[in-house]
């Protein structure tokens, strides 16, 4: 079985509450996702109650595990000792910061030296790709397990080189009756990215907008973010320009998925900004992969663009993947009372040039 298929099966297993094995160059782990487990599955996985808990540094910092402050990234792995009083209920509270107010922590928790560092780090990426909280029960695994996946397998699964054009068709839309939609997918991925081409090539670089999927903003009209208005304004700007492309990327919640984004919303309601909410959940501040957008543009024959964005990281991401950005075009919209803090956080903490 090839690596992408093994990873797809592992993600499906995690979502179903089944254990998986990761084998790295420095050791193997057997892992049970805390979010999708239960008491019975934990008892079957770890009958002796010895499994440690694997979480991210961002979550560990919330638990005051000060001896781990040397970790450089919020999604770096941290191992927590499985004290006798840490049952499934307490482990669930450890995994999900939404529960911190409802389930005060008993503590103290103790970080311990980790096993199989490469596999530990890859496990957190695998959880994010599966749309789950990055938290596991973990024990040493069997590197000879025929179903084991490796960190290299996960990296290969994330590589957009396997992205191809699956279908294209004319799609009249409100701002452009001559628009064309192009759908892209990989053999393993469950979702499709799409591009909307507006107008006809005129010899100039197209005006391009990279828009990450936002169900709450794009479809439901959420006022917590600016995604819906940004989408509509981008379509209008491309139409006014005469020629351009909107890339609609299936990277909800800056790459952490819809359910984890809603968890971040719940933390924002508790007073945390969008950056701290993501890191408390155990994720990177921005987990999106703009190589996907670069691959989509290359497949459509567009290697030089004008980019409609306030985010310098999008410019850097495209250029690192071989797409030249001839110009960054600002994309400014007025705030509303519900997203003022969100927009200020993007400006002050993630470098958006608003």
C-alpha atoms as a PDB file:
ATOM      1  CA  UNK A   1       0.000   0.000   0.000  1.00  0.00           C
ATOM      2  CA  UNK A   2       1.396   3.438  -0.915  1.00  0.00           C
ATOM      3  CA  UNK A   3       2.045   6.149   1.683  1.00  0.00           C
ATOM      4  CA  UNK A   4      -0.939   8.432   0.904  1.00  0.00           C
ATOM      5  CA  UNK A   5      -3.347   5.526   1.204  1.00  0.00           C
ATOM      6  CA  UNK A   6      -1.819   4.433   4.522  1.00  0.00           C
ATOM      7  CA  UNK A   7      -2.161   7.966   5.890  1.00  0.00           C
ATOM      8  CA  UNK A   8      -5.763   8.276   4.678  1.00  0.00           C
ATOM      9  CA  UNK A   9      -6.579   5.001   6.439  1.00  0.00           C
ATOM     10  CA  UNK A  10      -4.844   6.189   9.604  1.00  0.00           C
ATOM     11  CA  UNK A  11      -6.860   9.425   9.648  1.00  0.00           C
ATOM     12  CA  UNK A  12     -10.055   7.462   9.171  1.00  0.00           C
ATOM     13  CA  UNK A  13      -9.049   5.170  12.049  1.00  0.00           C
ATOM     14  CA  UNK A  14      -8.425   8.127  14.340  1.00  0.00           C
ATOM     15  CA  UNK A  15     -11.814   9.646  13.531  1.00  0.00           C
ATOM     16  CA  UNK A  16     -13.433   6.293  14.350  1.00  0.00           C
ATOM     17  CA  UNK A  17     -11.637   6.005  17.683  1.00  0.00           C
ATOM     18  CA  UNK A  18      -9.256   3.237  16.633  1.00  0.00           C
ATOM     19  CA  UNK A  19      -5.548   3.177  17.546  1.00  0.00           C
ATOM     20  CA  UNK A  20      -2.843   3.819  14.978  1.00  0.00           C
ATOM     21  CA  UNK A  21       0.909   3.222  14.887  1.00  0.00           C
ATOM     22  CA  UNK A  22       3.506   5.790  13.847  1.00  0.00           C
ATOM     23  CA  UNK A  23       7.062   4.623  13.268  1.00  0.00           C
ATOM     24  CA  UNK A  24       9.844   7.177  12.963  1.00  0.00           C
ATOM     25  CA  UNK A  25      13.621   6.870  12.707  1.00  0.00           C
ATOM     26  CA  UNK A  26      13.918   7.221  16.482  1.00  0.00           C
ATOM     27  CA  UNK A  27      11.160   4.870  17.603  1.00  0.00           C
ATOM     28  CA  UNK A  28       7.515   3.895  17.153  1.00  0.00           C
ATOM     29  CA  UNK A  29       4.328   4.878  18.957  1.00  0.00           C
ATOM     30  CA  UNK A  30       0.924   3.329  19.339  1.00  0.00           C
ATOM     31  CA  UNK A  31      -1.641   6.101  19.639  1.00  0.00           C
ATOM     32  CA  UNK A  32      -5.274   6.444  20.637  1.00  0.00           C
ATOM     33  CA  UNK A  33      -6.890   9.825  19.933  1.00  0.00           C
ATOM     34  CA  UNK A  34      -8.409  11.189  23.122  1.00  0.00           C
ATOM     35  CA  UNK A  35     -11.218  13.054  21.344  1.00  0.00           C
ATOM     36  CA  UNK A  36     -12.720   9.950  19.728  1.00  0.00           C
ATOM     37  CA  UNK A  37     -11.930   7.408  22.441  1.00  0.00           C
ATOM     38  CA  UNK A  38     -14.043   6.378  25.411  1.00  0.00           C
ATOM     39  CA  UNK A  39     -13.535   4.420  28.632  1.00  0.00           C
ATOM     40  CA  UNK A  40     -13.932   1.032  26.958  1.00  0.00           C
ATOM     41  CA  UNK A  41     -11.548   1.816  24.128  1.00  0.00           C
ATOM     42  CA  UNK A  42      -8.977   3.192  26.529  1.00  0.00           C
ATOM     43  CA  UNK A  43      -9.217   0.047  28.679  1.00  0.00           C
ATOM     44  CA  UNK A  44      -8.664  -2.136  25.606  1.00  0.00           C
ATOM     45  CA  UNK A  45      -5.771   0.017  24.383  1.00  0.00           C
ATOM     46  CA  UNK A  46      -4.068   0.409  27.758  1.00  0.00           C
ATOM     47  CA  UNK A  47      -5.294  -2.202  30.245  1.00  0.00           C
ATOM     48  CA  UNK A  48      -2.502  -1.437  32.728  1.00  0.00           C
ATOM     49  CA  UNK A  49      -3.180   2.319  32.795  1.00  0.00           C
ATOM     50  CA  UNK A  50       0.382   3.210  31.839  1.00  0.00           C
ATOM     51  CA  UNK A  51      -0.131   5.188  28.626  1.00  0.00           C
ATOM     52  CA  UNK A  52       1.297   8.684  28.762  1.00  0.00           C
ATOM     53  CA  UNK A  53      -0.563  11.623  27.293  1.00  0.00           C
ATOM     54  CA  UNK A  54       0.825  13.332  24.218  1.00  0.00           C
ATOM     55  CA  UNK A  55      -0.247  16.944  23.707  1.00  0.00           C
ATOM     56  CA  UNK A  56       1.182  20.047  22.086  1.00  0.00           C
ATOM     57  CA  UNK A  57       3.339  22.710  23.660  1.00  0.00           C
ATOM     58  CA  UNK A  58       0.580  25.295  23.187  1.00  0.00           C
ATOM     59  CA  UNK A  59      -1.722  23.211  25.351  1.00  0.00           C
ATOM     60  CA  UNK A  60       1.043  22.275  27.797  1.00  0.00           C
ATOM     61  CA  UNK A  61       1.800  25.947  28.446  1.00  0.00           C
ATOM     62  CA  UNK A  62      -1.809  26.365  29.601  1.00  0.00           C
ATOM     63  CA  UNK A  63      -1.178  23.607  32.131  1.00  0.00           C
ATOM     64  CA  UNK A  64       1.879  25.476  33.505  1.00  0.00           C
ATOM     65  CA  UNK A  65       4.368  22.850  32.433  1.00  0.00           C
ATOM     66  CA  UNK A  66       7.150  25.420  32.742  1.00  0.00           C
ATOM     67  CA  UNK A  67       9.936  22.919  32.158  1.00  0.00           C
ATOM     68  CA  UNK A  68       8.765  22.686  28.558  1.00  0.00           C
ATOM     69  CA  UNK A  69       9.127  26.392  27.787  1.00  0.00           C
ATOM     70  CA  UNK A  70      12.101  25.626  25.577  1.00  0.00           C
ATOM     71  CA  UNK A  71       9.747  24.299  22.904  1.00  0.00           C
ATOM     72  CA  UNK A  72       9.775  26.726  19.987  1.00  0.00           C
ATOM     73  CA  UNK A  73       6.393  26.058  18.405  1.00  0.00           C
ATOM     74  CA  UNK A  74       2.861  25.782  19.827  1.00  0.00           C
ATOM     75  CA  UNK A  75       2.397  22.528  17.902  1.00  0.00           C
ATOM     76  CA  UNK A  76       5.596  20.903  19.203  1.00  0.00           C
ATOM     77  CA  UNK A  77       5.028  17.644  21.153  1.00  0.00           C
ATOM     78  CA  UNK A  78       4.962  17.417  24.948  1.00  0.00           C
ATOM     79  CA  UNK A  79       4.525  14.245  26.975  1.00  0.00           C
ATOM     80  CA  UNK A  80       2.565  14.290  30.233  1.00  0.00           C
ATOM     81  CA  UNK A  81       3.024  11.627  32.892  1.00  0.00           C
ATOM     82  CA  UNK A  82      -0.038   9.438  33.377  1.00  0.00           C
ATOM     83  CA  UNK A  83      -0.588   9.862  37.090  1.00  0.00           C
ATOM     84  CA  UNK A  84      -2.873   7.189  38.636  1.00  0.00           C
ATOM     85  CA  UNK A  85      -5.702   9.697  39.052  1.00  0.00           C
ATOM     86  CA  UNK A  86      -5.733  10.694  35.368  1.00  0.00           C
ATOM     87  CA  UNK A  87      -8.697   8.728  34.039  1.00  0.00           C
ATOM     88  CA  UNK A  88     -10.440   9.170  30.716  1.00  0.00           C
ATOM     89  CA  UNK A  89     -12.518  12.103  31.981  1.00  0.00           C
ATOM     90  CA  UNK A  90      -9.465  13.999  33.191  1.00  0.00           C
ATOM     91  CA  UNK A  91      -7.586  13.190  29.981  1.00  0.00           C
ATOM     92  CA  UNK A  92     -10.473  14.634  27.986  1.00  0.00           C
ATOM     93  CA  UNK A  93     -10.269  17.821  30.018  1.00  0.00           C
ATOM     94  CA  UNK A  94      -6.525  17.902  29.396  1.00  0.00           C
ATOM     95  CA  UNK A  95      -7.107  17.649  25.663  1.00  0.00           C
ATOM     96  CA  UNK A  96      -9.820  20.278  25.259  1.00  0.00           C
ATOM     97  CA  UNK A  97      -9.269  23.815  26.618  1.00  0.00           C
ATOM     98  CA  UNK A  98     -12.954  24.620  26.132  1.00  0.00           C
ATOM     99  CA  UNK A  99     -13.513  22.588  29.298  1.00  0.00           C
ATOM    100  CA  UNK A 100     -11.039  24.494  31.476  1.00  0.00           C
ATOM    101  CA  UNK A 101     -13.710  26.621  33.119  1.00  0.00           C
ATOM    102  CA  UNK A 102     -16.208  23.780  33.484  1.00  0.00           C
ATOM    103  CA  UNK A 103     -13.612  21.253  34.689  1.00  0.00           C
ATOM    104  CA  UNK A 104     -11.015  22.923  36.905  1.00  0.00           C
ATOM    105  CA  UNK A 105      -7.740  21.053  36.662  1.00  0.00           C
ATOM    106  CA  UNK A 106      -6.666  18.967  39.643  1.00  0.00           C
ATOM    107  CA  UNK A 107      -2.965  18.837  38.880  1.00  0.00           C
ATOM    108  CA  UNK A 108      -0.166  19.070  39.250  1.00  0.00           C
ATOM    109  CA  UNK A 109       0.727  17.646  35.878  1.00  0.00           C
ATOM    110  CA  UNK A 110       4.263  16.554  35.155  1.00  0.00           C
ATOM    111  CA  UNK A 111       6.002  16.637  31.813  1.00  0.00           C
ATOM    112  CA  UNK A 112       8.264  13.675  31.127  1.00  0.00           C
ATOM    113  CA  UNK A 113      10.904  12.965  28.488  1.00  0.00           C
ATOM    114  CA  UNK A 114       9.229  12.038  25.253  1.00  0.00           C
ATOM    115  CA  UNK A 115       9.550   8.792  23.319  1.00  0.00           C
ATOM    116  CA  UNK A 116      10.106   8.747  19.542  1.00  0.00           C
ATOM    117  CA  UNK A 117      10.286  12.532  18.963  1.00  0.00           C
ATOM    118  CA  UNK A 118       9.798  12.359  15.201  1.00  0.00           C
ATOM    119  CA  UNK A 119       6.702  10.186  15.497  1.00  0.00           C
ATOM    120  CA  UNK A 120       5.404  12.388  18.337  1.00  0.00           C
ATOM    121  CA  UNK A 121       5.617  15.523  16.207  1.00  0.00           C
ATOM    122  CA  UNK A 122       4.067  13.752  13.221  1.00  0.00           C
ATOM    123  CA  UNK A 123       1.173  12.527  15.381  1.00  0.00           C
ATOM    124  CA  UNK A 124       0.100  16.099  16.102  1.00  0.00           C
ATOM    125  CA  UNK A 125       0.132  16.901  12.387  1.00  0.00           C
ATOM    126  CA  UNK A 126      -1.892  13.773  11.686  1.00  0.00           C
ATOM    127  CA  UNK A 127      -4.510  14.824  14.246  1.00  0.00           C
ATOM    128  CA  UNK A 128      -4.822  18.280  12.660  1.00  0.00           C
ATOM    129  CA  UNK A 129      -5.165  16.759   9.196  1.00  0.00           C
ATOM    130  CA  UNK A 130      -7.929  14.530  10.547  1.00  0.00           C
ATOM    131  CA  UNK A 131      -9.718  17.534  12.063  1.00  0.00           C
ATOM    132  CA  UNK A 132      -9.176  16.324  15.627  1.00  0.00           C
ATOM    133  CA  UNK A 133      -7.681  17.776  18.774  1.00  0.00           C
ATOM    134  CA  UNK A 134      -3.918  17.094  18.919  1.00  0.00           C
ATOM    135  CA  UNK A 135      -4.022  14.880  21.994  1.00  0.00           C
ATOM    136  CA  UNK A 136      -3.352  11.160  22.373  1.00  0.00           C
ATOM    137  CA  UNK A 137      -2.869   8.323  24.786  1.00  0.00           C
ATOM    138  CA  UNK A 138       0.531   6.984  23.729  1.00  0.00           C
ATOM    139  CA  UNK A 139       2.629   3.893  24.387  1.00  0.00           C
ATOM    140  CA  UNK A 140       5.705   2.530  22.605  1.00  0.00           C
ATOM    141  CA  UNK A 141       4.683   0.874  19.372  1.00  0.00           C
ATOM    142  CA  UNK A 142       5.861  -1.920  17.122  1.00  0.00           C
ATOM    143  CA  UNK A 143       7.914  -0.530  14.222  1.00  0.00           C
ATOM    144  CA  UNK A 144       7.214  -3.760  12.321  1.00  0.00           C
ATOM    145  CA  UNK A 145       3.434  -3.177  12.394  1.00  0.00           C
ATOM    146  CA  UNK A 146       2.397  -3.574   8.725  1.00  0.00           C
ATOM    147  CA  UNK A 147      -0.168  -0.773   9.117  1.00  0.00           C
ATOM    148  CA  UNK A 148       2.334   1.663  10.664  1.00  0.00           C
ATOM    149  CA  UNK A 149       2.802   5.026   8.986  1.00  0.00           C
ATOM    150  CA  UNK A 150       5.869   7.240   9.151  1.00  0.00           C
ATOM    151  CA  UNK A 151       6.516  10.989   9.375  1.00  0.00           C
ATOM    152  CA  UNK A 152       7.633  10.798   5.742  1.00  0.00           C
ATOM    153  CA  UNK A 153       4.283   9.239   4.822  1.00  0.00           C
ATOM    154  CA  UNK A 154       2.454  12.178   6.405  1.00  0.00           C
ATOM    155  CA  UNK A 155       4.673  14.673   4.599  1.00  0.00           C
ATOM    156  CA  UNK A 156       4.007  12.901   1.302  1.00  0.00           C
ATOM    157  CA  UNK A 157       0.271  12.949   1.955  1.00  0.00           C
ATOM    158  CA  UNK A 158       0.404  16.727   2.433  1.00  0.00           C
ATOM    159  CA  UNK A 159       2.412  17.313  -0.752  1.00  0.00           C
ATOM    160  CA  UNK A 160       0.195  19.152  -3.275  1.00  0.00           C
ATOM    161  CA  UNK A 161       2.129  17.708  -6.209  1.00  0.00           C
ATOM    162  CA  UNK A 162      -0.603  15.054  -6.518  1.00  0.00           C
ATOM    163  CA  UNK A 163      -3.263  17.737  -7.011  1.00  0.00           C
ATOM    164  CA  UNK A 164      -4.836  17.565 -10.479  1.00  0.00           C
ATOM    165  CA  UNK A 165      -7.690  19.215 -12.350  1.00  0.00           C
ATOM    166  CA  UNK A 166     -10.754  16.987 -11.965  1.00  0.00           C
ATOM    167  CA  UNK A 167     -13.425  18.969 -13.830  1.00  0.00           C
ATOM    168  CA  UNK A 168     -14.220  22.391 -15.265  1.00  0.00           C
ATOM    169  CA  UNK A 169     -17.375  24.045 -16.532  1.00  0.00           C
ATOM    170  CA  UNK A 170     -18.955  27.379 -17.333  1.00  0.00           C
ATOM    171  CA  UNK A 171     -20.535  28.900 -14.223  1.00  0.00           C
ATOM    172  CA  UNK A 172     -22.415  32.183 -14.568  1.00  0.00           C
ATOM    173  CA  UNK A 173     -22.275  34.005 -11.216  1.00  0.00           C
ATOM    174  CA  UNK A 174     -23.840  37.236 -10.021  1.00  0.00           C
ATOM    175  CA  UNK A 175     -20.799  39.380 -10.765  1.00  0.00           C
ATOM    176  CA  UNK A 176     -19.714  37.597 -13.939  1.00  0.00           C
ATOM    177  CA  UNK A 177     -21.905  35.646 -16.326  1.00  0.00           C
ATOM    178  CA  UNK A 178     -18.821  34.502 -18.256  1.00  0.00           C
ATOM    179  CA  UNK A 179     -17.103  32.821 -15.287  1.00  0.00           C
ATOM    180  CA  UNK A 180     -15.625  29.336 -15.394  1.00  0.00           C
ATOM    181  CA  UNK A 181     -15.172  27.016 -12.414  1.00  0.00           C
ATOM    182  CA  UNK A 182     -12.311  24.541 -12.167  1.00  0.00           C
ATOM    183  CA  UNK A 183     -12.227  21.789  -9.513  1.00  0.00           C
ATOM    184  CA  UNK A 184      -9.031  20.206  -8.196  1.00  0.00           C
ATOM    185  CA  UNK A 185      -8.466  17.161  -6.027  1.00  0.00           C
ATOM    186  CA  UNK A 186      -5.907  14.605  -4.954  1.00  0.00           C
ATOM    187  CA  UNK A 187      -6.455  10.832  -5.004  1.00  0.00           C
ATOM    188  CA  UNK A 188      -6.463  10.763  -1.186  1.00  0.00           C
ATOM    189  CA  UNK A 189      -8.076  14.045  -0.153  1.00  0.00           C
ATOM    190  CA  UNK A 190     -11.734  14.052   0.926  1.00  0.00           C
ATOM    191  CA  UNK A 191     -12.376  17.604  -0.304  1.00  0.00           C
ATOM    192  CA  UNK A 192     -11.909  19.584  -3.481  1.00  0.00           C
ATOM    193  CA  UNK A 193     -10.311  22.984  -4.004  1.00  0.00           C
ATOM    194  CA  UNK A 194     -11.876  25.165  -6.697  1.00  0.00           C
ATOM    195  CA  UNK A 195     -10.912  28.120  -8.846  1.00  0.00           C
ATOM    196  CA  UNK A 196     -13.299  30.643 -10.350  1.00  0.00           C
ATOM    197  CA  UNK A 197     -11.948  32.295 -13.487  1.00  0.00           C
ATOM    198  CA  UNK A 198     -13.517  35.642 -14.326  1.00  0.00           C
ATOM    199  CA  UNK A 199     -12.903  37.350 -17.654  1.00  0.00           C
ATOM    200  CA  UNK A 200     -10.376  36.353 -20.292  1.00  0.00           C
ATOM    201  CA  UNK A 201      -6.569  36.466 -20.207  1.00  0.00           C
ATOM    202  CA  UNK A 202      -5.383  39.797 -21.596  1.00  0.00           C
ATOM    203  CA  UNK A 203      -1.614  39.410 -21.490  1.00  0.00           C
ATOM    204  CA  UNK A 204      -1.340  40.843 -17.973  1.00  0.00           C
ATOM    205  CA  UNK A 205      -0.925  38.891 -14.722  1.00  0.00           C
ATOM    206  CA  UNK A 206      -4.352  37.932 -13.396  1.00  0.00           C
ATOM    207  CA  UNK A 207      -5.671  39.512 -10.221  1.00  0.00           C
ATOM    208  CA  UNK A 208      -5.755  36.537  -7.857  1.00  0.00           C
ATOM    209  CA  UNK A 209      -7.430  36.105  -4.497  1.00  0.00           C
ATOM    210  CA  UNK A 210      -6.579  33.164  -2.192  1.00  0.00           C
ATOM    211  CA  UNK A 211      -9.708  32.633  -0.116  1.00  0.00           C
ATOM    212  CA  UNK A 212      -9.745  29.962   2.573  1.00  0.00           C
ATOM    213  CA  UNK A 213     -13.052  28.193   3.068  1.00  0.00           C
ATOM    214  CA  UNK A 214     -15.180  29.683   5.853  1.00  0.00           C
ATOM    215  CA  UNK A 215     -18.567  28.028   6.246  1.00  0.00           C
ATOM    216  CA  UNK A 216     -19.649  30.376   9.018  1.00  0.00           C
ATOM    217  CA  UNK A 217     -18.676  33.543   7.159  1.00  0.00           C
ATOM    218  CA  UNK A 218     -19.181  32.626   3.506  1.00  0.00           C
ATOM    219  CA  UNK A 219     -22.456  30.726   3.878  1.00  0.00           C
ATOM    220  CA  UNK A 220     -24.035  31.713   7.190  1.00  0.00           C
ATOM    221  CA  UNK A 221     -23.029  35.383   7.212  1.00  0.00           C
ATOM    222  CA  UNK A 222     -21.046  35.297  10.459  1.00  0.00           C
ATOM    223  CA  UNK A 223     -20.009  38.713  11.771  1.00  0.00           C
ATOM    224  CA  UNK A 224     -17.163  37.265  13.877  1.00  0.00           C
ATOM    225  CA  UNK A 225     -14.800  37.381  10.896  1.00  0.00           C
ATOM    226  CA  UNK A 226     -14.520  39.310   7.638  1.00  0.00           C
ATOM    227  CA  UNK A 227     -14.494  36.269   5.337  1.00  0.00           C
ATOM    228  CA  UNK A 228     -17.908  36.656   3.728  1.00  0.00           C
ATOM    229  CA  UNK A 229     -17.464  40.335   2.819  1.00  0.00           C
ATOM    230  CA  UNK A 230     -13.891  39.629   1.685  1.00  0.00           C
ATOM    231  CA  UNK A 231     -15.137  36.928  -0.674  1.00  0.00           C
ATOM    232  CA  UNK A 232     -17.782  39.126  -2.255  1.00  0.00           C
ATOM    233  CA  UNK A 233     -15.448  42.120  -2.481  1.00  0.00           C
ATOM    234  CA  UNK A 234     -12.772  39.959  -4.108  1.00  0.00           C
ATOM    235  CA  UNK A 235     -15.195  38.760  -6.783  1.00  0.00           C
ATOM    236  CA  UNK A 236     -16.210  42.347  -7.486  1.00  0.00           C
ATOM    237  CA  UNK A 237     -12.579  43.487  -7.639  1.00  0.00           C
ATOM    238  CA  UNK A 238     -11.649  40.732 -10.078  1.00  0.00           C
ATOM    239  CA  UNK A 239     -14.627  41.619 -12.282  1.00  0.00           C
ATOM    240  CA  UNK A 240     -13.647  45.294 -12.221  1.00  0.00           C
ATOM    241  CA  UNK A 241     -10.076  44.343 -13.148  1.00  0.00           C
ATOM    242  CA  UNK A 242     -11.347  42.500 -16.204  1.00  0.00           C
ATOM    243  CA  UNK A 243      -9.394  39.295 -15.665  1.00  0.00           C
ATOM    244  CA  UNK A 244      -8.562  37.257 -12.620  1.00  0.00           C
ATOM    245  CA  UNK A 245      -8.982  34.127 -10.543  1.00  0.00           C
ATOM    246  CA  UNK A 246     -10.466  33.374  -7.153  1.00  0.00           C
ATOM    247  CA  UNK A 247      -8.959  30.285  -5.514  1.00  0.00           C
ATOM    248  CA  UNK A 248     -11.298  28.766  -2.943  1.00  0.00           C
ATOM    249  CA  UNK A 249      -9.101  26.634  -0.680  1.00  0.00           C
ATOM    250  CA  UNK A 250     -10.484  23.886   1.542  1.00  0.00           C
ATOM    251  CA  UNK A 251      -8.468  25.033   4.550  1.00  0.00           C
ATOM    252  CA  UNK A 252     -11.162  25.996   7.037  1.00  0.00           C
ATOM    253  CA  UNK A 253     -10.097  27.793  10.190  1.00  0.00           C
ATOM    254  CA  UNK A 254      -6.572  28.570   8.938  1.00  0.00           C
ATOM    255  CA  UNK A 255      -6.092  24.877   8.302  1.00  0.00           C
ATOM    256  CA  UNK A 256      -7.425  23.380  11.559  1.00  0.00           C
ATOM    257  CA  UNK A 257     -10.868  22.383  10.281  1.00  0.00           C
ATOM    258  CA  UNK A 258     -14.412  23.463  11.016  1.00  0.00           C
ATOM    259  CA  UNK A 259     -14.901  21.761  14.383  1.00  0.00           C
ATOM    260  CA  UNK A 260     -11.611  23.002  15.769  1.00  0.00           C
ATOM    261  CA  UNK A 261     -12.419  26.485  14.455  1.00  0.00           C
ATOM    262  CA  UNK A 262     -15.677  26.402  16.414  1.00  0.00           C
ATOM    263  CA  UNK A 263     -13.704  25.365  19.483  1.00  0.00           C
ATOM    264  CA  UNK A 264     -11.516  28.403  18.886  1.00  0.00           C
ATOM    265  CA  UNK A 265     -14.673  30.524  18.689  1.00  0.00           C
ATOM    266  CA  UNK A 266     -15.751  29.173  22.067  1.00  0.00           C
ATOM    267  CA  UNK A 267     -12.381  30.182  23.520  1.00  0.00           C
ATOM    268  CA  UNK A 268     -12.768  33.638  21.986  1.00  0.00           C
ATOM    269  CA  UNK A 269     -16.063  33.917  23.864  1.00  0.00           C
ATOM    270  CA  UNK A 270     -14.034  33.234  27.026  1.00  0.00           C
ATOM    271  CA  UNK A 271     -11.822  36.234  26.253  1.00  0.00           C
ATOM    272  CA  UNK A 272      -8.947  34.872  24.145  1.00  0.00           C
ATOM    273  CA  UNK A 273      -8.055  36.381  20.806  1.00  0.00           C
ATOM    274  CA  UNK A 274      -7.880  34.300  17.635  1.00  0.00           C
ATOM    275  CA  UNK A 275      -4.127  33.645  17.983  1.00  0.00           C
ATOM    276  CA  UNK A 276      -4.268  32.529  21.611  1.00  0.00           C
ATOM    277  CA  UNK A 277      -7.360  30.425  20.936  1.00  0.00           C
ATOM    278  CA  UNK A 278      -5.536  28.443  18.246  1.00  0.00           C
ATOM    279  CA  UNK A 279      -2.405  27.934  20.334  1.00  0.00           C
ATOM    280  CA  UNK A 280      -4.384  26.921  23.441  1.00  0.00           C
ATOM    281  CA  UNK A 281      -6.017  24.245  21.309  1.00  0.00           C
ATOM    282  CA  UNK A 282      -2.526  23.073  20.430  1.00  0.00           C
ATOM    283  CA  UNK A 283      -2.285  24.269  16.844  1.00  0.00           C
ATOM    284  CA  UNK A 284       0.047  26.551  14.955  1.00  0.00           C
ATOM    285  CA  UNK A 285      -1.146  30.131  14.571  1.00  0.00           C
ATOM    286  CA  UNK A 286      -1.693  29.475  10.862  1.00  0.00           C
ATOM    287  CA  UNK A 287      -1.574  25.896   9.562  1.00  0.00           C
ATOM    288  CA  UNK A 288      -2.543  26.638   5.958  1.00  0.00           C
ATOM    289  CA  UNK A 289      -0.414  25.359   3.095  1.00  0.00           C
ATOM    290  CA  UNK A 290      -0.213  27.888   0.270  1.00  0.00           C
ATOM    291  CA  UNK A 291       1.678  25.403  -1.900  1.00  0.00           C
ATOM    292  CA  UNK A 292      -1.800  24.145  -2.792  1.00  0.00           C
ATOM    293  CA  UNK A 293      -2.690  27.515  -4.292  1.00  0.00           C
ATOM    294  CA  UNK A 294       0.610  27.617  -6.180  1.00  0.00           C
ATOM    295  CA  UNK A 295      -0.046  24.171  -7.639  1.00  0.00           C
ATOM    296  CA  UNK A 296      -3.545  25.225  -8.743  1.00  0.00           C
ATOM    297  CA  UNK A 297      -2.183  28.300 -10.497  1.00  0.00           C
ATOM    298  CA  UNK A 298       0.568  26.308 -12.187  1.00  0.00           C
ATOM    299  CA  UNK A 299      -1.930  23.733 -13.454  1.00  0.00           C
ATOM    300  CA  UNK A 300      -3.881  26.606 -15.042  1.00  0.00           C
ATOM    301  CA  UNK A 301      -0.730  27.991 -16.640  1.00  0.00           C
ATOM    302  CA  UNK A 302      -0.496  31.066 -14.407  1.00  0.00           C
ATOM    303  CA  UNK A 303       2.950  31.598 -12.919  1.00  0.00           C
ATOM    304  CA  UNK A 304       2.870  35.387 -12.450  1.00  0.00           C
ATOM    305  CA  UNK A 305       0.025  37.089 -10.611  1.00  0.00           C
ATOM    306  CA  UNK A 306      -1.174  40.226  -8.883  1.00  0.00           C
ATOM    307  CA  UNK A 307      -2.247  39.072  -5.434  1.00  0.00           C
ATOM    308  CA  UNK A 308      -5.248  40.589  -3.682  1.00  0.00           C
ATOM    309  CA  UNK A 309      -4.311  40.258  -0.004  1.00  0.00           C
ATOM    310  CA  UNK A 310      -3.310  41.988   3.206  1.00  0.00           C
ATOM    311  CA  UNK A 311      -1.303  38.956   4.320  1.00  0.00           C
ATOM    312  CA  UNK A 312       2.414  39.012   3.426  1.00  0.00           C
ATOM    313  CA  UNK A 313       2.626  35.290   4.230  1.00  0.00           C
ATOM    314  CA  UNK A 314       0.449  34.536   1.214  1.00  0.00           C
ATOM    315  CA  UNK A 315       2.890  36.429  -0.987  1.00  0.00           C
ATOM    316  CA  UNK A 316       5.837  34.579   0.538  1.00  0.00           C
ATOM    317  CA  UNK A 317       4.052  31.223   0.288  1.00  0.00           C
ATOM    318  CA  UNK A 318       3.320  31.601  -3.405  1.00  0.00           C
ATOM    319  CA  UNK A 319       6.787  32.864  -4.259  1.00  0.00           C
ATOM    320  CA  UNK A 320       8.438  30.042  -2.310  1.00  0.00           C
ATOM    321  CA  UNK A 321       6.419  27.608  -4.433  1.00  0.00           C
ATOM    322  CA  UNK A 322       7.451  29.165  -7.745  1.00  0.00           C
ATOM    323  CA  UNK A 323       4.667  31.681  -8.423  1.00  0.00           C
ATOM    324  CA  UNK A 324       5.912  35.238  -8.998  1.00  0.00           C
ATOM    325  CA  UNK A 325       3.857  37.967  -7.320  1.00  0.00           C
ATOM    326  CA  UNK A 326       4.137  41.063  -9.495  1.00  0.00           C
ATOM    327  CA  UNK A 327       2.123  43.184  -7.057  1.00  0.00           C
ATOM    328  CA  UNK A 328       0.355  42.896  -3.726  1.00  0.00           C
ATOM    329  CA  UNK A 329      -3.017  44.627  -3.978  1.00  0.00           C
ATOM    330  CA  UNK A 330      -4.550  45.699  -0.656  1.00  0.00           C
ATOM    331  CA  UNK A 331      -7.940  44.217   0.232  1.00  0.00           C
ATOM    332  CA  UNK A 332      -9.426  46.462   2.914  1.00  0.00           C
ATOM    333  CA  UNK A 333     -12.941  46.317   4.282  1.00  0.00           C
ATOM    334  CA  UNK A 334     -14.562  48.192   7.181  1.00  0.00           C
ATOM    335  CA  UNK A 335     -14.915  46.346  10.512  1.00  0.00           C
ATOM    336  CA  UNK A 336     -18.134  45.675  12.383  1.00  0.00           C
ATOM    337  CA  UNK A 337     -18.607  45.630  16.173  1.00  0.00           C
ATOM    338  CA  UNK A 338     -18.241  41.832  16.251  1.00  0.00           C
ATOM    339  CA  UNK A 339     -14.966  41.536  14.336  1.00  0.00           C
ATOM    340  CA  UNK A 340     -13.056  44.664  15.378  1.00  0.00           C
ATOM    341  CA  UNK A 341     -10.897  42.730  17.821  1.00  0.00           C
ATOM    342  CA  UNK A 342     -10.352  39.931  15.318  1.00  0.00           C
ATOM    343  CA  UNK A 343      -9.099  42.377  12.682  1.00  0.00           C
ATOM    344  CA  UNK A 344      -6.879  44.156  15.216  1.00  0.00           C
ATOM    345  CA  UNK A 345      -5.354  40.788  16.161  1.00  0.00           C
ATOM    346  CA  UNK A 346      -4.618  40.008  12.514  1.00  0.00           C
ATOM    347  CA  UNK A 347      -2.910  43.384  12.215  1.00  0.00           C
ATOM    348  CA  UNK A 348      -0.979  43.330  15.477  1.00  0.00           C
ATOM    349  CA  UNK A 349      -0.116  39.645  15.882  1.00  0.00           C
ATOM    350  CA  UNK A 350      -0.074  38.006  12.461  1.00  0.00           C
ATOM    351  CA  UNK A 351       1.377  40.800  10.344  1.00  0.00           C
ATOM    352  CA  UNK A 352      -1.641  41.629   8.181  1.00  0.00           C
ATOM    353  CA  UNK A 353      -1.186  45.003   6.552  1.00  0.00           C
ATOM    354  CA  UNK A 354      -4.617  46.430   7.173  1.00  0.00           C
END
